[in-house]
Amino acid sequence: AALYSAFLAHNLVSQGKLDEADPLIRRSLDLYEKRLGTDHPRYAGALKTRASIEALRGQDQDAEKHYRQALTIDERVVGPQSSAVADDLMNLVPLLKRSGKRQLANANIERALAIRVAEFGAESPVTTGAILASAQMAYETGQYDEARRLVDRALQIQERGFGSKHHTMVAGWIFMSRLDIAQGKLDDAAGSMSSAAEVLATARPPGNP
């Protein structure tokens, strides 16, 4: 019952049905606590779903609290260098940024990237989420050249891993167009958007790498 409720709640969140998801995930947390205890990966997973609901509702303090609780569980049970911990660190980034904790957000990104590189290698497409998050941090502080370097790196990794027409390339090209505009390179911006449009027209969808 707990597992099914957690699965259903997660799906409802992805559909934006927060009011339906909320009681289900709270029920899952209660059942997991009684049957597995609060130091279990499934309990941590349910906490993340609850935190995602709170974040979408703008309840950032509660969301940060529950994401941190999940992070502590995953560090202790799964291990501090696990993919689960990398995910937890990245989940906290937008909350930390919104609360003005940019230095801590950047530290989370760097640690998550280090975990991904250690597990999958520096050229794995799995690393590009953290790389683009670092680029966004640079962009927001006017470090356009550094942001461009990071976006270019992410695009190269994705192209080598999936090919130039994979759907994951779109976000990078759109980001590059924003940088072009910020730096007054309007012709380049048009080229970047054209590349994004070309990928969208022929992209292989998720599930078909």
Protein backbone atom coordinates (compact mmCIF):
# COMPACT_ATOMS: atom_id res chain seq x y z
CA ALA A 1 0.00 0.00 0.00
CA ALA A 2 2.81 2.41 0.88
CA LEU A 3 4.74 1.72 -2.31
CA TYR A 4 1.64 2.07 -4.50
CA SER A 5 0.60 5.31 -2.79
CA ALA A 6 4.10 6.72 -3.25
CA PHE A 7 4.16 5.72 -6.93
CA LEU A 8 0.73 7.20 -7.55
CA ALA A 9 1.64 10.42 -5.72
CA HIS A 10 4.80 10.80 -7.82
CA ASN A 11 2.79 10.44 -11.03
CA LEU A 12 0.18 12.92 -9.84
CA VAL A 13 2.91 15.48 -9.09
CA SER A 14 4.23 15.11 -12.63
CA GLN A 15 0.69 15.91 -13.85
CA GLY A 16 0.45 18.95 -11.59
CA LYS A 17 -2.26 17.38 -9.40
CA LEU A 18 -0.71 18.46 -6.12
CA ASP A 19 -3.88 18.39 -4.02
CA GLU A 20 -4.44 14.76 -4.94
CA ALA A 21 -0.80 13.80 -4.46
CA ASP A 22 -0.35 15.40 -1.03
CA PRO A 23 -2.52 13.06 1.10
CA LEU A 24 -1.16 10.01 -0.72
CA ILE A 25 2.48 10.84 -0.03
CA ARG A 26 1.73 11.68 3.60
CA ARG A 27 0.05 8.28 3.93
CA SER A 28 3.09 6.61 2.38
CA LEU A 29 5.41 8.38 4.81
CA ASP A 30 3.32 7.22 7.77
CA LEU A 31 3.28 3.62 6.54
CA TYR A 32 7.00 3.57 5.73
CA GLU A 33 7.82 5.00 9.14
CA LYS A 34 5.82 2.26 10.87
CA ARG A 35 7.08 -0.63 8.72
CA LEU A 36 10.61 0.37 7.67
CA GLY A 37 11.59 3.20 9.98
CA THR A 38 12.76 6.66 8.98
CA ASP A 39 16.26 5.53 7.97
CA HIS A 40 15.31 3.76 4.74
CA PRO A 41 15.71 4.72 1.05
CA ARG A 42 11.97 4.34 0.40
CA TYR A 43 11.21 6.76 3.22
CA ALA A 44 13.76 9.16 1.70
CA GLY A 45 12.11 8.79 -1.71
CA ALA A 46 8.71 9.67 -0.26
CA LEU A 47 10.24 12.68 1.48
CA LYS A 48 11.52 13.92 -1.88
CA THR A 49 8.05 13.67 -3.39
CA ARG A 50 6.60 15.61 -0.46
CA ALA A 51 9.36 18.20 -0.84
CA SER A 52 8.63 18.55 -4.56
CA ILE A 53 4.98 19.26 -3.76
CA GLU A 54 6.00 21.90 -1.22
CA ALA A 55 8.47 23.50 -3.65
CA LEU A 56 5.79 23.74 -6.34
CA ARG A 57 3.46 25.37 -3.83
CA GLY A 58 6.13 27.92 -2.90
CA GLN A 59 6.64 26.41 0.55
CA ASP A 60 10.40 26.64 0.19
CA GLN A 61 11.36 26.29 3.84
CA ASP A 62 9.40 23.06 4.23
CA ALA A 63 10.72 21.77 0.90
CA GLU A 64 14.32 22.49 1.86
CA LYS A 65 13.82 20.81 5.23
CA HIS A 66 12.48 17.60 3.67
CA TYR A 67 15.05 17.52 0.85
CA ARG A 68 17.79 17.89 3.47
CA GLN A 69 16.26 15.10 5.53
CA ALA A 70 16.26 12.86 2.46
CA LEU A 71 19.87 13.82 1.72
CA THR A 72 20.94 12.85 5.24
CA ILE A 73 19.23 9.46 4.91
CA ASP A 74 20.75 8.76 1.49
CA GLU A 75 24.24 9.78 2.63
CA ARG A 76 24.01 7.42 5.58
CA VAL A 77 22.23 4.47 3.96
CA VAL A 78 23.16 4.54 0.26
CA GLY A 79 26.50 6.31 0.59
CA PRO A 80 27.83 9.87 0.21
CA GLN A 81 29.10 9.21 -3.34
CA SER A 82 25.87 7.70 -4.66
CA SER A 83 23.69 8.92 -7.52
CA ALA A 84 20.86 9.41 -5.02
CA VAL A 85 22.97 11.93 -3.12
CA ALA A 86 23.85 13.75 -6.35
CA ASP A 87 20.12 13.99 -7.13
CA ASP A 88 19.40 15.28 -3.62
CA LEU A 89 22.06 17.96 -3.92
CA MET A 90 20.64 19.15 -7.25
CA ASN A 91 17.09 19.15 -5.88
CA LEU A 92 18.19 21.68 -3.27
CA VAL A 93 19.83 24.07 -5.75
CA PRO A 94 16.77 26.12 -6.86
CA LEU A 95 15.58 26.42 -3.26
CA LEU A 96 18.99 27.63 -2.09
CA LYS A 97 19.16 30.15 -4.92
CA ARG A 98 15.72 31.53 -4.12
CA SER A 99 16.68 31.99 -0.47
CA GLY A 100 19.88 33.82 -1.38
CA LYS A 101 22.24 30.96 -0.52
CA ARG A 102 24.04 31.07 -3.84
CA GLN A 103 27.42 30.00 -2.47
CA LEU A 104 25.88 26.88 -0.97
CA ALA A 105 23.93 26.23 -4.18
CA ASN A 106 27.16 26.39 -6.17
CA ALA A 107 28.85 24.02 -3.71
CA ASN A 108 25.98 21.56 -4.16
CA ILE A 109 26.36 21.69 -7.95
CA GLU A 110 30.12 21.13 -7.75
CA ARG A 111 29.72 18.19 -5.38
CA ALA A 112 26.96 16.63 -7.50
CA LEU A 113 29.13 16.98 -10.61
CA ALA A 114 32.09 15.37 -8.84
CA ILE A 115 29.89 12.41 -7.85
CA ARG A 116 28.64 12.01 -11.43
CA VAL A 117 32.16 12.18 -12.86
CA ALA A 118 33.47 9.65 -10.34
CA GLU A 119 30.67 7.20 -11.14
CA PHE A 120 30.21 7.65 -14.88
CA GLY A 121 33.27 9.52 -16.17
CA ALA A 122 33.81 13.12 -17.24
CA GLU A 123 32.48 12.49 -20.76
CA SER A 124 29.19 10.91 -19.69
CA PRO A 125 25.99 12.78 -20.67
CA VAL A 126 24.84 12.19 -17.09
CA THR A 127 27.17 15.00 -16.07
CA THR A 128 25.57 17.64 -18.26
CA GLY A 129 22.73 18.55 -15.90
CA ALA A 130 25.20 19.78 -13.29
CA ILE A 131 27.36 21.43 -15.96
CA LEU A 132 24.39 23.41 -17.26
CA ALA A 133 23.42 24.32 -13.69
CA SER A 134 26.92 25.74 -13.23
CA ALA A 135 26.49 27.64 -16.48
CA GLN A 136 23.24 29.10 -15.21
CA MET A 137 24.96 30.28 -12.03
CA ALA A 138 27.64 31.98 -14.13
CA TYR A 139 25.02 33.53 -16.43
CA GLU A 140 23.08 34.98 -13.52
CA THR A 141 26.19 36.78 -12.25
CA GLY A 142 27.18 38.16 -15.65
CA GLN A 143 30.03 35.71 -16.23
CA TYR A 144 28.99 35.14 -19.82
CA ASP A 145 32.27 33.77 -21.14
CA GLU A 146 32.40 31.14 -18.38
CA ALA A 147 28.76 30.27 -18.95
CA ARG A 148 29.44 29.90 -22.67
CA ARG A 149 32.40 27.61 -21.99
CA LEU A 150 30.25 25.38 -19.82
CA VAL A 151 27.30 25.28 -22.23
CA ASP A 152 29.65 24.42 -25.08
CA ARG A 153 31.15 21.64 -22.98
CA ALA A 154 27.70 20.21 -22.22
CA LEU A 155 26.71 20.34 -25.90
CA GLN A 156 29.89 18.54 -26.94
CA ILE A 157 29.35 15.80 -24.36
CA GLN A 158 25.72 15.32 -25.40
CA GLU A 159 26.61 15.23 -29.09
CA ARG A 160 29.34 12.63 -28.54
CA GLY A 161 27.03 10.56 -26.36
CA PHE A 162 23.75 10.77 -28.26
CA GLY A 163 24.35 12.45 -31.61
CA SER A 164 23.63 15.98 -32.80
CA LYS A 165 19.87 15.46 -33.22
CA HIS A 166 19.06 14.17 -29.76
CA HIS A 167 16.37 16.00 -27.78
CA THR A 168 18.82 16.78 -24.96
CA MET A 169 20.63 19.22 -27.26
CA VAL A 170 17.70 21.64 -27.36
CA ALA A 171 18.18 23.16 -23.89
CA GLY A 172 21.87 23.78 -24.58
CA TRP A 173 21.23 25.56 -27.88
CA ILE A 174 18.49 27.73 -26.35
CA PHE A 175 20.84 28.59 -23.49
CA MET A 176 23.53 29.47 -26.03
CA SER A 177 21.12 31.81 -27.81
CA ARG A 178 20.44 33.62 -24.51
CA LEU A 179 24.18 34.10 -24.08
CA ASP A 180 24.49 35.37 -27.66
CA ILE A 181 21.76 37.95 -27.02
CA ALA A 182 23.28 38.99 -23.69
CA GLN A 183 26.60 39.61 -25.42
CA GLY A 184 25.05 41.41 -28.38
CA LYS A 185 25.80 38.61 -30.86
CA LEU A 186 22.44 38.67 -32.59
CA ASP A 187 23.51 36.80 -35.71
CA ASP A 188 24.97 34.05 -33.53
CA ALA A 189 21.73 34.00 -31.50
CA ALA A 190 19.76 33.36 -34.67
CA GLY A 191 22.12 30.53 -35.53
CA SER A 192 21.77 29.00 -32.07
CA MET A 193 17.96 29.13 -32.25
CA SER A 194 18.11 27.63 -35.72
CA SER A 195 20.15 24.74 -34.32
CA ALA A 196 17.58 24.24 -31.55
CA ALA A 197 14.72 24.29 -34.09
CA GLU A 198 16.53 21.78 -36.29
CA VAL A 199 16.96 19.41 -33.36
CA LEU A 200 13.28 19.79 -32.41
CA ALA A 201 12.26 18.97 -35.96
CA THR A 202 14.22 15.71 -36.04
CA ALA A 203 14.88 14.89 -32.38
CA ARG A 204 14.74 11.38 -31.04
CA PRO A 205 12.32 11.50 -28.10
CA PRO A 206 13.04 10.29 -24.55
CA GLY A 207 13.24 6.51 -24.44
CA ASN A 208 14.89 6.38 -27.89
CA PRO A 209 18.53 7.39 -27.32
